[in-house]
N, C-alpha and C. Protein backbone atom coordinates (compact mmCIF):
# COMPACT_ATOMS: atom_id res chain seq x y z
N MET A 1 57.55 105.59 112.21
CA MET A 1 58.12 104.38 112.80
C MET A 1 59.63 104.48 112.79
N GLU A 2 60.25 104.31 113.93
CA GLU A 2 61.71 104.40 114.03
C GLU A 2 62.34 103.08 113.57
N ARG A 3 63.28 103.19 112.67
CA ARG A 3 63.97 102.01 112.17
C ARG A 3 65.21 101.76 113.02
N GLU A 4 65.33 100.61 113.60
CA GLU A 4 66.47 100.26 114.43
C GLU A 4 67.66 99.87 113.54
N THR A 5 68.81 100.44 113.83
CA THR A 5 70.04 100.07 113.13
C THR A 5 71.12 99.83 114.16
N ASP A 6 72.24 99.32 113.72
CA ASP A 6 73.36 99.08 114.62
C ASP A 6 74.20 100.32 114.84
N THR A 7 73.98 101.36 114.05
CA THR A 7 74.87 102.51 114.13
C THR A 7 74.28 103.68 114.87
N ALA A 8 73.05 104.06 114.60
CA ALA A 8 72.50 105.25 115.24
C ALA A 8 70.98 105.25 115.16
N PRO A 9 70.34 105.95 116.09
CA PRO A 9 68.88 106.07 116.02
C PRO A 9 68.48 107.06 114.94
N ALA A 10 67.22 107.01 114.55
CA ALA A 10 66.71 107.97 113.57
C ALA A 10 66.71 109.36 114.18
N LEU A 11 67.13 110.36 113.43
CA LEU A 11 67.24 111.72 113.96
C LEU A 11 66.11 112.62 113.50
N ALA A 12 65.23 112.12 112.64
CA ALA A 12 64.13 112.94 112.14
C ALA A 12 63.17 113.27 113.28
N GLY A 13 62.93 114.56 113.47
CA GLY A 13 62.01 115.02 114.52
C GLY A 13 62.55 114.90 115.93
N LEU A 14 63.84 114.73 116.08
CA LEU A 14 64.44 114.56 117.41
C LEU A 14 64.53 115.87 118.18
N THR A 15 64.85 116.97 117.51
CA THR A 15 65.06 118.24 118.19
C THR A 15 63.80 118.71 118.89
N GLY A 16 63.94 119.09 120.17
CA GLY A 16 62.82 119.59 120.95
C GLY A 16 62.10 118.53 121.75
N ASN A 17 62.35 117.26 121.50
CA ASN A 17 61.69 116.17 122.22
C ASN A 17 62.54 115.72 123.39
N ASP A 18 61.89 115.07 124.37
CA ASP A 18 62.62 114.50 125.49
C ASP A 18 63.22 113.16 125.08
N VAL A 19 64.46 112.93 125.53
CA VAL A 19 65.18 111.70 125.20
C VAL A 19 65.48 110.97 126.51
N ALA A 20 65.10 109.69 126.58
CA ALA A 20 65.36 108.89 127.78
C ALA A 20 66.80 108.41 127.75
N LEU A 21 67.50 108.59 128.87
CA LEU A 21 68.91 108.19 128.96
C LEU A 21 69.05 106.90 129.74
N GLN A 22 70.18 106.21 129.59
CA GLN A 22 70.43 104.96 130.30
C GLN A 22 70.50 105.17 131.80
N ALA A 23 70.88 106.36 132.23
CA ALA A 23 70.99 106.65 133.66
C ALA A 23 69.62 106.73 134.33
N GLY A 24 68.54 106.74 133.55
CA GLY A 24 67.20 106.77 134.11
C GLY A 24 66.53 108.14 134.01
N ASN A 25 67.29 109.17 133.79
CA ASN A 25 66.70 110.50 133.64
C ASN A 25 66.47 110.79 132.16
N SER A 26 65.93 111.97 131.88
CA SER A 26 65.70 112.35 130.49
C SER A 26 66.23 113.77 130.28
N VAL A 27 66.46 114.10 129.03
CA VAL A 27 66.99 115.41 128.67
C VAL A 27 66.30 115.85 127.38
N THR A 28 66.13 117.15 127.23
CA THR A 28 65.55 117.69 126.00
C THR A 28 66.62 117.73 124.91
N ALA A 29 66.30 117.21 123.77
CA ALA A 29 67.26 117.15 122.66
C ALA A 29 67.28 118.50 121.96
N ASN A 30 68.20 119.34 122.38
CA ASN A 30 68.39 120.64 121.73
C ASN A 30 69.79 120.69 121.12
N GLU A 31 70.16 121.83 120.59
CA GLU A 31 71.45 121.95 119.91
C GLU A 31 72.61 121.67 120.86
N THR A 32 72.50 122.13 122.10
CA THR A 32 73.56 121.91 123.09
C THR A 32 73.74 120.41 123.38
N TYR A 33 72.63 119.70 123.56
CA TYR A 33 72.70 118.26 123.82
C TYR A 33 73.32 117.51 122.64
N ILE A 34 72.93 117.87 121.43
CA ILE A 34 73.45 117.18 120.25
C ILE A 34 74.94 117.45 120.09
N ARG A 35 75.37 118.71 120.32
CA ARG A 35 76.79 119.04 120.24
C ARG A 35 77.59 118.28 121.31
N GLU A 36 77.06 118.25 122.53
CA GLU A 36 77.76 117.54 123.61
C GLU A 36 77.85 116.05 123.31
N SER A 37 76.81 115.48 122.70
CA SER A 37 76.82 114.06 122.36
C SER A 37 77.86 113.75 121.29
N ALA A 38 78.10 114.71 120.39
CA ALA A 38 79.11 114.49 119.36
C ALA A 38 80.52 114.60 119.93
N ILE A 39 80.71 115.53 120.89
CA ILE A 39 82.04 115.74 121.45
C ILE A 39 82.37 114.70 122.51
N LYS A 40 81.39 114.37 123.37
CA LYS A 40 81.59 113.38 124.43
C LYS A 40 80.49 112.32 124.30
N PRO A 41 80.69 111.33 123.45
CA PRO A 41 79.62 110.36 123.19
C PRO A 41 79.24 109.50 124.39
N ASP A 42 80.14 109.36 125.37
CA ASP A 42 79.81 108.53 126.52
C ASP A 42 79.21 109.33 127.67
N ALA A 43 78.98 110.63 127.50
CA ALA A 43 78.45 111.47 128.57
C ALA A 43 76.98 111.16 128.85
N LYS A 44 76.14 111.18 127.85
CA LYS A 44 74.70 110.94 128.00
C LYS A 44 74.27 109.94 126.94
N VAL A 45 74.25 108.65 127.32
CA VAL A 45 73.93 107.59 126.37
C VAL A 45 72.42 107.36 126.39
N VAL A 46 71.84 107.30 125.20
CA VAL A 46 70.40 107.11 125.06
C VAL A 46 70.03 105.70 125.47
N GLU A 47 68.88 105.56 126.10
CA GLU A 47 68.37 104.26 126.50
C GLU A 47 68.19 103.37 125.27
N ARG A 48 68.43 102.10 125.38
CA ARG A 48 68.35 101.10 124.31
C ARG A 48 69.50 101.16 123.33
N ARG A 49 70.47 101.98 123.56
CA ARG A 49 71.60 102.09 122.64
C ARG A 49 72.88 101.72 123.36
N SER A 50 73.72 100.95 122.69
CA SER A 50 75.05 100.72 123.23
C SER A 50 75.90 101.93 122.90
N ASN A 51 76.95 102.11 123.63
CA ASN A 51 77.82 103.27 123.40
C ASN A 51 78.88 102.89 122.38
N PHE A 52 78.48 102.87 121.11
CA PHE A 52 79.38 102.41 120.06
C PHE A 52 80.44 103.43 119.71
N MET A 53 80.30 104.68 120.17
CA MET A 53 81.28 105.72 119.85
C MET A 53 82.16 106.07 121.05
N ALA A 54 82.21 105.23 122.05
CA ALA A 54 82.90 105.56 123.28
C ALA A 54 84.39 105.82 123.07
N ASN A 55 85.00 105.17 122.11
CA ASN A 55 86.44 105.36 121.90
C ASN A 55 86.76 106.52 120.97
N TRP A 56 85.76 107.07 120.33
CA TRP A 56 85.96 108.19 119.42
C TRP A 56 86.00 109.48 120.21
N VAL A 57 87.04 110.26 120.02
CA VAL A 57 87.18 111.52 120.74
C VAL A 57 87.30 112.64 119.72
N PHE A 58 86.47 113.67 119.88
CA PHE A 58 86.51 114.81 118.97
C PHE A 58 87.69 115.69 119.34
N SER A 59 88.40 116.14 118.35
CA SER A 59 89.48 117.10 118.57
C SER A 59 89.41 118.14 117.46
N GLY A 60 90.06 119.25 117.66
CA GLY A 60 90.06 120.31 116.67
C GLY A 60 91.06 120.08 115.55
N GLU A 61 91.72 118.92 115.54
CA GLU A 61 92.72 118.65 114.52
C GLU A 61 92.05 118.17 113.24
N HIS A 62 92.61 118.56 112.11
CA HIS A 62 92.13 118.09 110.83
C HIS A 62 93.33 117.89 109.92
N TYR A 63 93.09 117.59 108.66
CA TYR A 63 94.16 117.15 107.77
C TYR A 63 95.23 118.20 107.51
N ILE A 64 94.95 119.46 107.75
CA ILE A 64 95.97 120.48 107.50
C ILE A 64 96.87 120.68 108.71
N ASN A 65 96.33 120.68 109.92
CA ASN A 65 97.16 121.03 111.07
C ASN A 65 97.54 119.85 111.95
N ILE A 66 97.20 118.64 111.61
CA ILE A 66 97.48 117.51 112.49
C ILE A 66 98.98 117.23 112.59
N ASN A 67 99.69 117.32 111.50
CA ASN A 67 101.13 117.09 111.51
C ASN A 67 101.69 117.98 110.41
N TYR A 68 102.20 119.11 110.74
CA TYR A 68 102.48 120.14 109.75
C TYR A 68 103.94 120.25 109.37
N ARG A 69 104.76 119.27 109.69
CA ARG A 69 106.15 119.30 109.24
C ARG A 69 106.20 119.01 107.74
N ILE A 70 107.24 119.49 107.10
CA ILE A 70 107.37 119.36 105.65
C ILE A 70 107.45 117.89 105.23
N ARG A 71 108.09 117.06 106.02
CA ARG A 71 108.22 115.64 105.68
C ARG A 71 106.86 114.95 105.65
N SER A 72 105.98 115.32 106.59
CA SER A 72 104.65 114.70 106.62
C SER A 72 103.83 115.12 105.40
N TRP A 73 104.09 116.32 104.87
CA TRP A 73 103.38 116.76 103.67
C TRP A 73 103.93 116.08 102.42
N LEU A 74 105.23 115.91 102.32
CA LEU A 74 105.82 115.34 101.11
C LEU A 74 105.66 113.83 101.03
N LEU A 75 105.53 113.15 102.16
CA LEU A 75 105.41 111.69 102.17
C LEU A 75 104.01 111.22 102.55
N THR A 76 103.01 112.03 102.28
CA THR A 76 101.65 111.71 102.71
C THR A 76 100.93 110.80 101.73
N PHE A 77 99.95 110.08 102.25
CA PHE A 77 99.03 109.30 101.44
C PHE A 77 97.62 109.89 101.50
N ASP A 78 97.48 110.98 102.24
CA ASP A 78 96.19 111.64 102.39
C ASP A 78 95.82 112.35 101.09
N GLN A 79 94.69 111.99 100.52
CA GLN A 79 94.31 112.52 99.21
C GLN A 79 94.09 114.02 99.23
N LYS A 80 93.61 114.57 100.35
CA LYS A 80 93.38 116.02 100.41
C LYS A 80 94.71 116.77 100.43
N ARG A 81 95.68 116.25 101.14
CA ARG A 81 97.01 116.88 101.12
C ARG A 81 97.65 116.77 99.74
N ILE A 82 97.47 115.62 99.08
CA ILE A 82 98.04 115.43 97.75
C ILE A 82 97.43 116.43 96.77
N VAL A 83 96.13 116.65 96.85
CA VAL A 83 95.48 117.62 95.97
C VAL A 83 96.02 119.02 96.23
N LEU A 84 96.19 119.39 97.50
CA LEU A 84 96.75 120.71 97.82
C LEU A 84 98.17 120.85 97.29
N LEU A 85 98.99 119.81 97.45
CA LEU A 85 100.35 119.85 96.91
C LEU A 85 100.33 119.96 95.39
N TYR A 86 99.42 119.25 94.76
CA TYR A 86 99.29 119.30 93.30
C TYR A 86 98.93 120.71 92.84
N LEU A 87 97.96 121.33 93.50
CA LEU A 87 97.55 122.69 93.11
C LEU A 87 98.66 123.71 93.34
N VAL A 88 99.40 123.57 94.44
CA VAL A 88 100.51 124.48 94.71
C VAL A 88 101.61 124.32 93.66
N SER A 89 101.93 123.06 93.33
CA SER A 89 103.00 122.85 92.36
C SER A 89 102.59 123.29 90.95
N ILE A 90 101.33 123.08 90.58
CA ILE A 90 100.86 123.55 89.27
C ILE A 90 100.95 125.07 89.20
N SER A 91 100.50 125.75 90.25
CA SER A 91 100.56 127.21 90.27
C SER A 91 102.00 127.71 90.23
N LEU A 92 102.88 127.07 90.99
CA LEU A 92 104.28 127.47 91.02
C LEU A 92 104.91 127.35 89.63
N PHE A 93 104.72 126.21 88.98
CA PHE A 93 105.32 126.01 87.67
C PHE A 93 104.67 126.87 86.59
N PHE A 94 103.40 127.20 86.75
CA PHE A 94 102.74 128.10 85.81
C PHE A 94 103.39 129.48 85.84
N TYR A 95 103.58 130.01 87.05
CA TYR A 95 104.21 131.33 87.18
C TYR A 95 105.70 131.29 86.84
N LEU A 96 106.37 130.20 87.16
CA LEU A 96 107.78 130.06 86.80
C LEU A 96 107.95 130.01 85.28
N GLY A 97 107.08 129.27 84.59
CA GLY A 97 107.12 129.22 83.13
C GLY A 97 106.82 130.58 82.52
N GLY A 98 105.89 131.31 83.11
CA GLY A 98 105.60 132.65 82.63
C GLY A 98 106.77 133.58 82.81
N ALA A 99 107.47 133.45 83.93
CA ALA A 99 108.64 134.29 84.18
C ALA A 99 109.76 133.98 83.19
N PHE A 100 109.93 132.72 82.80
CA PHE A 100 110.95 132.37 81.81
C PHE A 100 110.53 132.76 80.39
N ALA A 101 109.24 132.83 80.16
CA ALA A 101 108.75 133.19 78.83
C ALA A 101 108.92 134.67 78.53
N VAL A 102 108.93 135.51 79.55
CA VAL A 102 109.04 136.96 79.34
C VAL A 102 110.35 137.33 78.64
N PRO A 103 111.53 136.87 79.09
CA PRO A 103 112.74 137.24 78.36
C PRO A 103 112.79 136.70 76.93
N ILE A 104 112.22 135.53 76.71
CA ILE A 104 112.19 134.98 75.35
C ILE A 104 111.34 135.85 74.44
N ARG A 105 110.19 136.26 74.93
CA ARG A 105 109.32 137.13 74.12
C ARG A 105 109.95 138.50 73.90
N LEU A 106 110.65 139.02 74.90
CA LEU A 106 111.34 140.29 74.73
C LEU A 106 112.47 140.17 73.71
N GLU A 107 113.15 139.04 73.69
CA GLU A 107 114.21 138.80 72.72
C GLU A 107 113.65 138.78 71.30
N LEU A 108 112.47 138.22 71.16
CA LEU A 108 111.86 138.18 69.82
C LEU A 108 111.42 139.55 69.34
N LEU A 109 111.21 140.48 70.26
CA LEU A 109 110.82 141.84 69.89
C LEU A 109 111.99 142.72 69.52
N THR A 110 113.20 142.36 69.95
CA THR A 110 114.38 143.19 69.73
C THR A 110 115.28 142.57 68.68
N PRO A 111 116.28 143.30 68.20
CA PRO A 111 117.24 142.71 67.25
C PRO A 111 117.95 141.50 67.85
N GLN A 112 118.55 140.71 66.99
CA GLN A 112 119.17 139.44 67.40
C GLN A 112 120.29 139.68 68.42
N ASP A 113 120.34 138.81 69.45
CA ASP A 113 121.34 138.81 70.51
C ASP A 113 121.39 140.14 71.26
N ASP A 114 120.29 140.82 71.36
CA ASP A 114 120.26 142.08 72.08
C ASP A 114 120.01 141.86 73.58
N LEU A 115 119.10 140.96 73.95
CA LEU A 115 118.78 140.72 75.37
C LEU A 115 119.43 139.42 75.89
N VAL A 116 119.16 138.32 75.21
CA VAL A 116 119.63 137.02 75.66
C VAL A 116 120.62 136.49 74.63
N GLU A 117 121.79 136.12 75.10
CA GLU A 117 122.80 135.53 74.20
C GLU A 117 122.90 134.05 74.45
N ALA A 118 123.13 133.29 73.41
CA ALA A 118 123.19 131.83 73.53
C ALA A 118 124.50 131.37 74.11
C-alpha cells in the first residue's frame, strides 16, 4: 500500500515499473529517468503529484568549490568548512610545534649554549 505524503511518493519497487505522467503518457522508471527527475524535476511530473521541487536546480557546486576565495573560507558559518579549517590549522600547528621542538631537543643533547643562545 502506497502511503501518500506531501513530499514524495514511495520509491520501494519503483524501478522497472511504468509511471503515469501528468502529460498523459507513461515512462519506465529506470536509472536514467530517476537521474533526470533529480536534475530537472519539472521535466516529467508524476500524475497526482504537484511539482514541489520546481524551483530546485541541481548544479555541480558544493561546499568546497561554490565560493573559493580566502575571505569566504575565513568568514564562513558552514560547519563543513569550519571543520576543514580546524583540521588544517591543527595539522599546521602540530608540525610547527615539532619544528620548534627539534632545536630545543638538540640543545639538550649538546653542551650549554652550543646551539641556541638565550
